[in-house]
């Protein structure tokens, strides 16, 4: 650490030079600025630099290096592990850098490093364009894309990284670089799943696709119908076109108008069929799901940006998630998955999800460090609760789901879906054969492992 006098002088210079606010624990707004999506995360950074430009990010990184502070990077703050914060660290907060510029003629969009899915989707929607985004509007685009990027459109348009055209980075030395397929191609390759290990993404350019229509069928059932629901959903998606995606799930009946009052707060089974196309086509596809005895249904066309907000979780909740990627969901898996729903913590916001892969996901470049690309399905236990007394119960339930799925697991995992689960899981999320290559890129751009508040790749 720098001497107190040097640190004080450097902090004063940072406050003078940065366009945005600089917050320390003594400043008003500090506690609000350090709050993140997962209420289990309670960390106290030494300094929060709320950057408004790439130049601000350069200034902040050079300050952190000068006074020897560990550096965390905050985009959306949606990481379940709280990777955008560190005790005693400098937080480079990008949230003010949320500009989105759509280029309809080029079918591309330039996205600021602090933009969320809502910023991206709302900007693209008037043009009838979209790209694969996360399943919640509050997710930060930067961390989502650089971590791989799975969403409702991935079977149609590929993973988010399959649509990445370029990234502007500030490196650990406080230098600016641009990575594309032609310029710094090895760095560009590493950014296709390697996350924030190599620098701070101040902006990125993504490929867009025409999406003139989006529609859904969201159907709720009594829990005893769960096995039949999942088998039917499996058949619908596996026989359907790439436009079809969604999830079969268990959830607590939410306090919404479409849920009968006597089922609010109770365990329910559900099917969410998403369709990147018009309502009439989706209705024909959804007929087997609607033919099952059910308690509630929403079958409608919906703007994609509105769909992205549909399962947003309320702020201030405690979160613990994980995932396993699967070779398939045979009847034996269906039975195990549905039996585990009986132990799901209820009433909470917890969701017990299984969703399809395949389609354009499987067609993407095989050499990117996203080894879950060839999985047929994924199971995603998503625990959300409010009372700290339930911490162990909810965490254990997630672990039990993973253990149940082990016989069908490919061994790979999408790192954006998991907390800190050890170095072996990081290797599983990037691919053993990719780790040496990623480590070499890390050594070139961050030899001191400055950017380590992440699923960390050590310098080779």
Protein backbone atom coordinates (compact mmCIF):
# COMPACT_ATOMS: atom_id res chain seq x y z
CA UNK A 1 0.00 0.00 0.00
CA UNK A 2 1.10 3.58 -0.61
CA UNK A 3 2.04 5.76 2.36
CA UNK A 4 -0.87 7.71 3.89
CA UNK A 5 0.47 11.02 2.61
CA UNK A 6 0.93 9.70 -0.93
CA UNK A 7 -2.53 8.13 -0.89
CA UNK A 8 -4.11 11.39 0.33
CA UNK A 9 -2.39 13.41 -2.37
CA UNK A 10 -3.34 10.89 -5.08
CA UNK A 11 -6.97 10.80 -3.92
CA UNK A 12 -7.18 14.59 -4.06
CA UNK A 13 -5.80 14.48 -7.60
CA UNK A 14 -8.34 11.80 -8.56
CA UNK A 15 -11.20 13.94 -7.29
CA UNK A 16 -9.86 16.85 -9.31
CA UNK A 17 -9.25 14.93 -12.53
CA UNK A 18 -12.28 12.60 -12.70
CA UNK A 19 -15.37 13.91 -14.48
CA UNK A 20 -17.66 11.84 -12.26
CA UNK A 21 -17.92 11.65 -8.46
CA UNK A 22 -15.30 9.95 -6.28
CA UNK A 23 -16.74 8.41 -3.12
CA UNK A 24 -15.04 7.17 0.03
CA UNK A 25 -16.69 5.74 3.18
CA UNK A 26 -17.03 9.23 4.65
CA UNK A 27 -19.01 10.59 1.69
CA UNK A 28 -22.76 10.83 1.31
CA UNK A 29 -24.08 8.33 -1.21
CA UNK A 30 -21.29 5.82 -0.51
CA UNK A 31 -23.58 3.11 0.88
CA UNK A 32 -25.99 3.47 -2.02
CA UNK A 33 -23.10 3.31 -4.50
CA UNK A 34 -21.72 0.08 -3.03
CA UNK A 35 -25.06 -1.77 -2.98
CA UNK A 36 -25.28 -4.56 -5.56
CA UNK A 37 -27.97 -6.89 -6.85
CA UNK A 38 -27.21 -9.70 -4.35
CA UNK A 39 -28.07 -8.52 -0.85
CA UNK A 40 -25.74 -11.17 0.61
CA UNK A 41 -22.79 -9.06 -0.60
CA UNK A 42 -21.73 -6.42 1.94
CA UNK A 43 -18.27 -5.12 1.08
CA UNK A 44 -16.66 -1.77 1.80
CA UNK A 45 -14.41 -0.45 -0.96
CA UNK A 46 -11.81 2.18 -0.11
CA UNK A 47 -12.73 4.32 -3.13
CA UNK A 48 -15.56 4.26 -5.70
CA UNK A 49 -14.70 6.12 -8.92
CA UNK A 50 -17.91 6.79 -10.85
CA UNK A 51 -16.49 7.17 -14.34
CA UNK A 52 -18.18 9.07 -17.15
CA UNK A 53 -15.72 8.42 -20.00
CA UNK A 54 -12.89 6.22 -21.17
CA UNK A 55 -10.50 8.93 -20.01
CA UNK A 56 -11.99 8.65 -16.52
CA UNK A 57 -11.39 4.89 -16.54
CA UNK A 58 -7.74 5.45 -17.52
CA UNK A 59 -7.37 7.99 -14.71
CA UNK A 60 -8.96 5.65 -12.17
CA UNK A 61 -6.82 2.65 -13.13
CA UNK A 62 -3.63 4.70 -12.95
CA UNK A 63 -4.67 5.98 -9.53
CA UNK A 64 -5.30 2.45 -8.29
CA UNK A 65 -1.90 1.28 -9.53
CA UNK A 66 -0.15 4.33 -8.05
CA UNK A 67 -1.49 3.73 -4.53
CA UNK A 68 -1.46 -0.08 -4.87
CA UNK A 69 -5.18 -0.63 -4.40
CA UNK A 70 -6.82 -3.81 -5.70
CA UNK A 71 -9.21 -2.90 -8.54
CA UNK A 72 -12.76 -4.14 -8.99
CA UNK A 73 -14.94 -3.23 -11.99
CA UNK A 74 -18.65 -2.54 -11.76
CA UNK A 75 -20.97 -2.66 -14.74
CA UNK A 76 -24.46 -3.86 -13.86
CA UNK A 77 -23.45 -5.20 -10.42
CA UNK A 78 -25.45 -8.34 -11.19
CA UNK A 79 -22.79 -10.98 -10.41
CA UNK A 80 -24.13 -13.43 -7.85
CA UNK A 81 -20.63 -13.56 -6.32
CA UNK A 82 -20.47 -9.78 -5.95
CA UNK A 83 -17.42 -9.57 -8.22
CA UNK A 84 -17.88 -5.85 -8.77
CA UNK A 85 -16.89 -5.03 -5.18
CA UNK A 86 -13.90 -5.66 -2.93
CA UNK A 87 -13.16 -4.72 0.66
CA UNK A 88 -10.54 -1.98 0.70
CA UNK A 89 -10.49 -1.89 -3.10
CA UNK A 90 -10.90 0.75 -5.78
CA UNK A 91 -14.18 0.20 -7.62
CA UNK A 92 -14.18 1.49 -11.18
CA UNK A 93 -17.91 2.14 -11.51
CA UNK A 94 -19.01 2.29 -15.15
CA UNK A 95 -22.74 2.84 -14.65
CA UNK A 96 -22.68 6.41 -15.97
CA UNK A 97 -21.17 5.11 -19.23
CA UNK A 98 -24.43 3.60 -20.47
CA UNK A 99 -24.83 5.15 -23.92
CA UNK A 100 -26.12 2.84 -26.67
CA UNK A 101 -25.77 3.80 -30.34
CA UNK A 102 -27.60 1.69 -32.93
CA UNK A 103 -26.37 1.53 -36.53
CA UNK A 104 -29.38 0.02 -38.35
CA UNK A 105 -27.76 -0.03 -41.78
CA UNK A 106 -24.73 -1.92 -40.48
CA UNK A 107 -26.86 -4.17 -38.25
CA UNK A 108 -24.62 -3.32 -35.30
CA UNK A 109 -24.75 -1.49 -31.98
CA UNK A 110 -22.09 0.21 -29.87
CA UNK A 111 -22.73 -0.26 -26.15
CA UNK A 112 -21.13 1.64 -23.28
CA UNK A 113 -19.37 -0.39 -20.60
CA UNK A 114 -21.97 0.45 -17.95
CA UNK A 115 -25.10 -0.19 -20.00
CA UNK A 116 -27.66 -2.75 -18.86
CA UNK A 117 -29.80 -5.05 -20.95
CA UNK A 118 -32.66 -2.56 -20.65
CA UNK A 119 -30.52 0.20 -22.19
CA UNK A 120 -29.54 -2.11 -25.05
CA UNK A 121 -32.94 -3.67 -25.73
CA UNK A 122 -34.89 -0.39 -25.55
CA UNK A 123 -32.48 1.29 -27.98
CA UNK A 124 -32.68 -1.54 -30.53
CA UNK A 125 -36.41 -2.22 -30.38
CA UNK A 126 -37.61 0.81 -32.45
CA UNK A 127 -35.48 -0.50 -35.32
CA UNK A 128 -36.91 -4.04 -35.16
CA UNK A 129 -33.44 -5.30 -34.22
CA UNK A 130 -32.05 -7.32 -31.32
CA UNK A 131 -29.16 -9.47 -30.22
CA UNK A 132 -28.87 -12.21 -27.62
CA UNK A 133 -29.25 -10.68 -24.18
CA UNK A 134 -29.57 -11.89 -20.61
CA UNK A 135 -32.85 -12.99 -19.10
CA UNK A 136 -33.12 -9.95 -16.80
CA UNK A 137 -33.17 -6.30 -17.84
CA UNK A 138 -30.91 -5.20 -14.95
CA UNK A 139 -27.97 -7.37 -16.07
CA UNK A 140 -24.90 -5.43 -17.22
CA UNK A 141 -24.13 -5.95 -20.91
CA UNK A 142 -20.33 -5.97 -20.48
CA UNK A 143 -20.02 -8.78 -17.96
CA UNK A 144 -22.81 -10.73 -19.63
CA UNK A 145 -21.23 -10.68 -23.09
CA UNK A 146 -17.61 -11.22 -22.08
CA UNK A 147 -18.68 -14.16 -19.91
CA UNK A 148 -20.34 -15.91 -22.88
CA UNK A 149 -23.91 -14.70 -22.88
CA UNK A 150 -26.96 -17.00 -22.73
CA UNK A 151 -30.53 -15.77 -23.22
CA UNK A 152 -33.91 -16.35 -24.82
CA UNK A 153 -32.55 -15.67 -28.32
CA UNK A 154 -29.42 -17.83 -28.24
CA UNK A 155 -30.95 -20.79 -30.08
CA UNK A 156 -31.82 -18.40 -32.93
CA UNK A 157 -28.89 -15.92 -32.93
CA UNK A 158 -26.15 -17.72 -31.01
CA UNK A 159 -24.47 -16.84 -27.74
CA UNK A 160 -23.77 -13.17 -27.05
CA UNK A 161 -20.05 -13.69 -27.76
CA UNK A 162 -20.92 -15.11 -31.16
CA UNK A 163 -22.22 -11.62 -31.95
CA UNK A 164 -19.23 -9.69 -30.56
CA UNK A 165 -17.54 -7.52 -33.20
CA UNK A 166 -15.13 -5.45 -31.14
CA UNK A 167 -14.15 -4.32 -27.65
CA UNK A 168 -12.48 -1.15 -26.40
CA UNK A 169 -10.41 -1.92 -23.29
CA UNK A 170 -8.40 -0.08 -20.68
CA UNK A 171 -5.56 -2.38 -19.66
CA UNK A 172 -3.94 -2.87 -16.27
CA UNK A 173 -1.29 -0.30 -17.27
CA UNK A 174 -3.94 2.32 -17.95
CA UNK A 175 -3.53 2.09 -21.71
CA UNK A 176 -6.36 1.94 -24.26
CA UNK A 177 -6.57 -0.85 -26.83
CA UNK A 178 -9.17 -2.11 -29.28
CA UNK A 179 -9.64 -5.81 -29.98
CA UNK A 180 -11.34 -7.14 -33.10
CA UNK A 181 -10.94 -10.19 -35.32
CA UNK A 182 -8.31 -8.24 -37.29
CA UNK A 183 -6.70 -6.12 -34.55
CA UNK A 184 -5.26 -8.04 -31.56
CA UNK A 185 -7.04 -11.26 -32.58
CA UNK A 186 -5.65 -13.31 -29.68
CA UNK A 187 -7.01 -10.84 -27.14
CA UNK A 188 -10.29 -10.79 -29.06
CA UNK A 189 -10.45 -14.58 -28.84
CA UNK A 190 -9.85 -14.46 -25.07
CA UNK A 191 -12.70 -11.99 -24.61
CA UNK A 192 -15.11 -14.61 -25.97
CA UNK A 193 -15.76 -16.12 -22.54
CA UNK A 194 -12.72 -15.00 -20.52
CA UNK A 195 -14.64 -12.18 -18.83
CA UNK A 196 -12.99 -9.16 -17.27
CA UNK A 197 -9.58 -10.76 -16.82
CA UNK A 198 -7.79 -8.74 -19.48
CA UNK A 199 -8.95 -5.17 -18.97
CA UNK A 200 -11.95 -2.91 -18.44
CA UNK A 201 -14.37 -2.91 -21.36
CA UNK A 202 -15.35 0.72 -21.84
CA UNK A 203 -17.46 -0.10 -24.90
CA UNK A 204 -18.22 -2.99 -27.23
CA UNK A 205 -19.78 -3.45 -30.63
CA UNK A 206 -22.33 -6.22 -31.20
CA UNK A 207 -24.00 -7.69 -34.29
CA UNK A 208 -27.76 -7.14 -34.51
CA UNK A 209 -30.45 -9.27 -36.14
CA UNK A 210 -33.90 -8.54 -37.44
CA UNK A 211 -36.56 -9.40 -34.85
CA UNK A 212 -39.89 -8.08 -36.15
CA UNK A 213 -41.97 -10.13 -33.68
CA UNK A 214 -41.66 -11.92 -30.34
CA UNK A 215 -44.31 -13.98 -28.56
CA UNK A 216 -44.67 -16.17 -25.48
CA UNK A 217 -46.84 -18.77 -23.82
CA UNK A 218 -46.47 -18.76 -20.02
CA UNK A 219 -48.55 -21.53 -18.48
CA UNK A 220 -48.87 -22.44 -14.78
CA UNK A 221 -49.87 -25.87 -13.47
CA UNK A 222 -50.38 -27.60 -10.16
CA UNK A 223 -47.05 -29.15 -9.11
CA UNK A 224 -48.21 -32.74 -9.53
CA UNK A 225 -48.33 -32.14 -13.30
CA UNK A 226 -44.66 -31.14 -13.34
CA UNK A 227 -43.25 -34.35 -14.89
CA UNK A 228 -45.80 -34.28 -17.73
CA UNK A 229 -45.16 -30.55 -18.25
CA UNK A 230 -41.41 -31.06 -18.59
CA UNK A 231 -41.78 -34.03 -20.93
CA UNK A 232 -44.22 -32.05 -23.08
CA UNK A 233 -42.01 -28.97 -23.11
CA UNK A 234 -39.06 -31.16 -24.11
CA UNK A 235 -41.01 -32.60 -27.02
CA UNK A 236 -42.26 -29.17 -28.18
CA UNK A 237 -38.80 -27.59 -28.22
CA UNK A 238 -36.87 -30.56 -29.62
CA UNK A 239 -39.30 -30.91 -32.52
CA UNK A 240 -39.68 -27.16 -32.96
CA UNK A 241 -37.65 -24.57 -34.87
CA UNK A 242 -34.72 -22.55 -33.55
CA UNK A 243 -37.08 -19.69 -32.85
CA UNK A 244 -38.42 -21.70 -29.90
CA UNK A 245 -36.78 -21.48 -26.49
CA UNK A 246 -37.82 -20.82 -22.90
CA UNK A 247 -37.82 -22.99 -19.77
CA UNK A 248 -39.73 -25.59 -17.83
CA UNK A 249 -39.71 -24.66 -14.16
CA UNK A 250 -41.05 -24.77 -10.67
CA UNK A 251 -41.70 -21.53 -8.81
CA UNK A 252 -43.66 -19.97 -5.99
CA UNK A 253 -46.95 -18.59 -7.29
CA UNK A 254 -46.29 -14.85 -7.59
CA UNK A 255 -48.76 -12.19 -6.40
CA UNK A 256 -49.80 -11.27 -9.94
CA UNK A 257 -53.23 -10.82 -11.49
CA UNK A 258 -52.84 -13.89 -13.70
CA UNK A 259 -52.28 -16.20 -10.68
CA UNK A 260 -55.40 -17.37 -8.80
CA UNK A 261 -55.35 -15.93 -5.28
CA UNK A 262 -55.38 -19.34 -3.59
CA UNK A 263 -52.19 -20.34 -5.43
CA UNK A 264 -50.13 -17.27 -4.52
CA UNK A 265 -47.25 -18.34 -2.30
CA UNK A 266 -47.64 -22.03 -3.21
CA UNK A 267 -45.37 -24.29 -5.24
CA UNK A 268 -46.39 -24.43 -8.90
CA UNK A 269 -45.03 -25.99 -12.08
CA UNK A 270 -44.70 -23.87 -15.17
CA UNK A 271 -43.67 -23.67 -18.80
CA UNK A 272 -42.41 -20.53 -20.50
CA UNK A 273 -42.26 -20.98 -24.26
CA UNK A 274 -40.52 -18.05 -25.93
CA UNK A 275 -40.73 -17.65 -29.69
CA UNK A 276 -38.74 -15.31 -31.92
CA UNK A 277 -41.65 -14.88 -34.30
CA UNK A 278 -45.38 -14.06 -34.56
CA UNK A 279 -48.07 -15.12 -32.13
CA UNK A 280 -49.98 -17.39 -34.52
CA UNK A 281 -46.92 -19.56 -35.14
CA UNK A 282 -46.17 -19.71 -31.42
CA UNK A 283 -49.77 -20.69 -30.58
CA UNK A 284 -49.59 -23.70 -32.88
CA UNK A 285 -46.33 -24.75 -31.25
CA UNK A 286 -47.74 -24.28 -27.73
CA UNK A 287 -50.88 -26.37 -28.26
CA UNK A 288 -49.58 -29.47 -26.39
CA UNK A 289 -48.67 -27.34 -23.37
CA UNK A 290 -52.05 -25.61 -23.37
CA UNK A 291 -53.82 -28.96 -23.69
CA UNK A 292 -52.53 -30.04 -20.28
CA UNK A 293 -54.73 -29.16 -17.25
CA UNK A 294 -53.51 -25.78 -16.09
CA UNK A 295 -54.40 -23.00 -13.66
CA UNK A 296 -53.32 -19.92 -15.59
CA UNK A 297 -51.97 -18.88 -18.97
CA UNK A 298 -50.56 -15.87 -20.79
CA UNK A 299 -50.37 -16.40 -24.53
CA UNK A 300 -49.47 -13.24 -26.37
CA UNK A 301 -47.21 -11.27 -28.64
CA UNK A 302 -44.81 -9.19 -26.57
CA UNK A 303 -42.05 -6.69 -27.39
CA UNK A 304 -38.68 -8.31 -26.76
CA UNK A 305 -37.62 -5.55 -24.36
CA UNK A 306 -40.76 -6.19 -22.29
CA UNK A 307 -40.08 -9.93 -22.22
CA UNK A 308 -36.62 -9.13 -20.87
CA UNK A 309 -38.22 -7.38 -17.86
CA UNK A 310 -40.73 -10.14 -17.22
CA UNK A 311 -38.76 -12.13 -14.65
CA UNK A 312 -36.75 -9.27 -13.12
CA UNK A 313 -36.18 -9.96 -9.44
CA UNK A 314 -36.93 -7.33 -6.80
CA UNK A 315 -33.86 -5.56 -5.38
CA UNK A 316 -32.58 -6.30 -1.91
CA UNK A 317 -32.98 -10.08 -2.09
CA UNK A 318 -30.40 -12.70 -1.17
CA UNK A 319 -29.17 -14.83 -4.07
CA UNK A 320 -27.30 -18.07 -4.66
CA UNK A 321 -27.29 -19.76 -8.07
CA UNK A 322 -25.51 -22.49 -9.96
CA UNK A 323 -25.90 -24.60 -13.09
CA UNK A 324 -25.10 -27.88 -14.78
CA UNK A 325 -25.03 -28.37 -18.55
CA UNK A 326 -26.60 -31.61 -19.68
CA UNK A 327 -26.27 -34.24 -22.38
CA UNK A 328 -30.07 -34.43 -22.44
CA UNK A 329 -33.18 -34.59 -20.25
CA UNK A 330 -34.36 -38.21 -20.48
CA UNK A 331 -37.28 -39.42 -18.41
CA UNK A 332 -34.96 -40.50 -15.59
CA UNK A 333 -33.69 -36.92 -15.31
CA UNK A 334 -37.25 -35.58 -15.45
CA UNK A 335 -38.19 -37.73 -12.46
CA UNK A 336 -35.18 -36.59 -10.42
CA UNK A 337 -35.63 -32.92 -11.35
CA UNK A 338 -39.31 -32.92 -10.43
CA UNK A 339 -38.73 -34.81 -7.18
CA UNK A 340 -36.22 -32.14 -6.10
CA UNK A 341 -38.92 -29.49 -6.53
CA UNK A 342 -40.57 -30.97 -3.45
CA UNK A 343 -37.66 -29.66 -1.32
CA UNK A 344 -37.54 -26.23 -2.97
CA UNK A 345 -37.74 -23.43 -0.38
CA UNK A 346 -41.27 -21.98 -0.59
CA UNK A 347 -42.47 -19.28 -0.41
CA UNK A 348 -39.42 -17.52 -1.84
CA UNK A 349 -38.47 -16.11 -5.22
CA UNK A 350 -36.52 -19.30 -5.92
CA UNK A 351 -36.87 -20.85 -9.39
CA UNK A 352 -36.02 -24.42 -10.41
CA UNK A 353 -35.29 -24.15 -14.14
CA UNK A 354 -34.32 -26.35 -17.04
CA UNK A 355 -33.92 -24.79 -20.47
CA UNK A 356 -32.88 -25.92 -23.94
CA UNK A 357 -29.59 -25.36 -25.75
CA UNK A 358 -28.81 -26.43 -29.31
CA UNK A 359 -29.63 -24.54 -32.49
CA UNK A 360 -27.34 -21.61 -33.21
CA UNK A 361 -25.53 -22.15 -29.89
CA UNK A 362 -24.14 -25.44 -31.15
CA UNK A 363 -23.28 -23.93 -34.54
CA UNK A 364 -20.99 -21.23 -33.15
CA UNK A 365 -17.17 -21.23 -33.40
CA UNK A 366 -15.87 -24.33 -31.68
CA UNK A 367 -12.60 -22.79 -30.51
CA UNK A 368 -14.05 -20.03 -28.28
CA UNK A 369 -13.58 -20.65 -24.53
CA UNK A 370 -17.27 -21.54 -24.02
CA UNK A 371 -17.14 -25.34 -23.60
CA UNK A 372 -20.83 -25.69 -22.75
CA UNK A 373 -21.72 -24.98 -26.40
CA UNK A 374 -22.40 -28.64 -27.21
CA UNK A 375 -24.79 -29.28 -24.29
CA UNK A 376 -28.37 -30.19 -25.18
CA UNK A 377 -30.02 -28.71 -22.07
CA UNK A 378 -29.09 -26.86 -18.88
CA UNK A 379 -30.43 -26.96 -15.35
CA UNK A 380 -30.26 -23.71 -13.39
CA UNK A 381 -31.23 -23.70 -9.69
CA UNK A 382 -31.82 -20.04 -8.92
CA UNK A 383 -32.35 -19.43 -5.19
CA UNK A 384 -33.71 -16.03 -4.12
CA UNK A 385 -34.84 -15.29 -0.58
CA UNK A 386 -35.11 -12.52 1.99
CA UNK A 387 -34.41 -13.88 5.48
CA UNK A 388 -30.72 -14.46 6.39
CA UNK A 389 -31.90 -17.34 8.58
CA UNK A 390 -32.64 -19.24 5.35
CA UNK A 391 -29.12 -18.85 3.93
CA UNK A 392 -27.94 -22.38 4.56
CA UNK A 393 -31.25 -23.97 3.54
CA UNK A 394 -31.27 -22.19 0.18
CA UNK A 395 -27.59 -22.72 -0.59
CA UNK A 396 -27.87 -26.42 0.21
CA UNK A 397 -30.90 -26.79 -2.04
CA UNK A 398 -28.90 -25.38 -4.98
CA UNK A 399 -26.06 -27.80 -4.24
CA UNK A 400 -28.52 -30.68 -4.07
CA UNK A 401 -29.88 -29.82 -7.53
CA UNK A 402 -26.35 -29.89 -8.93
CA UNK A 403 -25.70 -33.26 -7.31
CA UNK A 404 -28.94 -34.64 -8.74
CA UNK A 405 -27.94 -33.53 -12.25
CA UNK A 406 -24.41 -34.96 -12.11
CA UNK A 407 -25.19 -38.21 -13.99
CA UNK A 408 -26.28 -36.19 -17.03
CA UNK A 409 -23.72 -33.37 -16.78
CA UNK A 410 -21.29 -32.64 -19.62
CA UNK A 411 -18.89 -31.27 -17.00
CA UNK A 412 -18.89 -27.79 -18.55
CA UNK A 413 -20.57 -24.73 -17.05
CA UNK A 414 -21.50 -21.14 -17.95
CA UNK A 415 -19.52 -19.04 -15.45
CA UNK A 416 -22.02 -16.17 -15.37
CA UNK A 417 -24.46 -18.55 -13.68
CA UNK A 418 -22.27 -19.47 -10.71
CA UNK A 419 -20.71 -17.93 -7.61
CA UNK A 420 -17.22 -18.80 -6.37
CA UNK A 421 -17.15 -22.60 -6.67
CA UNK A 422 -13.39 -23.17 -6.83
CA UNK A 423 -10.70 -23.24 -9.49
CA UNK A 424 -11.86 -26.55 -10.97
CA UNK A 425 -15.19 -24.99 -11.90
CA UNK A 426 -13.41 -22.08 -13.58
CA UNK A 427 -11.54 -24.60 -15.71
CA UNK A 428 -14.87 -26.32 -16.43
CA UNK A 429 -16.28 -22.97 -17.53
CA UNK A 430 -13.43 -22.14 -19.90
CA UNK A 431 -12.23 -25.55 -21.01
CA UNK A 432 -9.02 -27.27 -19.84
CA UNK A 433 -7.47 -26.97 -23.30
CA UNK A 434 -8.10 -23.21 -23.32
CA UNK A 435 -6.57 -22.36 -19.94
CA UNK A 436 -2.95 -22.29 -21.15
CA UNK A 437 -3.84 -20.01 -24.05
CA UNK A 438 -5.93 -17.74 -21.81
CA UNK A 439 -3.12 -17.61 -19.27
CA UNK A 440 -0.72 -16.41 -21.96
CA UNK A 441 -3.10 -13.59 -22.93
CA UNK A 442 -3.47 -12.71 -19.26
CA UNK A 443 0.32 -12.56 -18.90
CA UNK A 444 0.55 -10.14 -21.82
CA UNK A 445 -2.18 -7.74 -20.75
CA UNK A 446 -2.31 -8.14 -16.95
CA UNK A 447 0.88 -9.85 -15.71
CA UNK A 448 0.31 -8.64 -12.13
CA UNK A 449 -3.25 -10.01 -12.02
CA UNK A 450 -4.66 -6.56 -11.24
CA UNK A 451 -8.08 -7.62 -12.51
CA UNK A 452 -8.72 -10.53 -10.17
CA UNK A 453 -12.21 -9.83 -8.81
CA UNK A 454 -13.68 -12.28 -11.31
CA UNK A 455 -13.57 -15.93 -12.27
CA UNK A 456 -9.86 -15.48 -12.30
CA UNK A 457 -7.40 -16.65 -14.93
CA UNK A 458 -3.89 -16.53 -13.42
CA UNK A 459 -1.14 -15.18 -15.67
CA UNK A 460 0.76 -18.06 -17.25
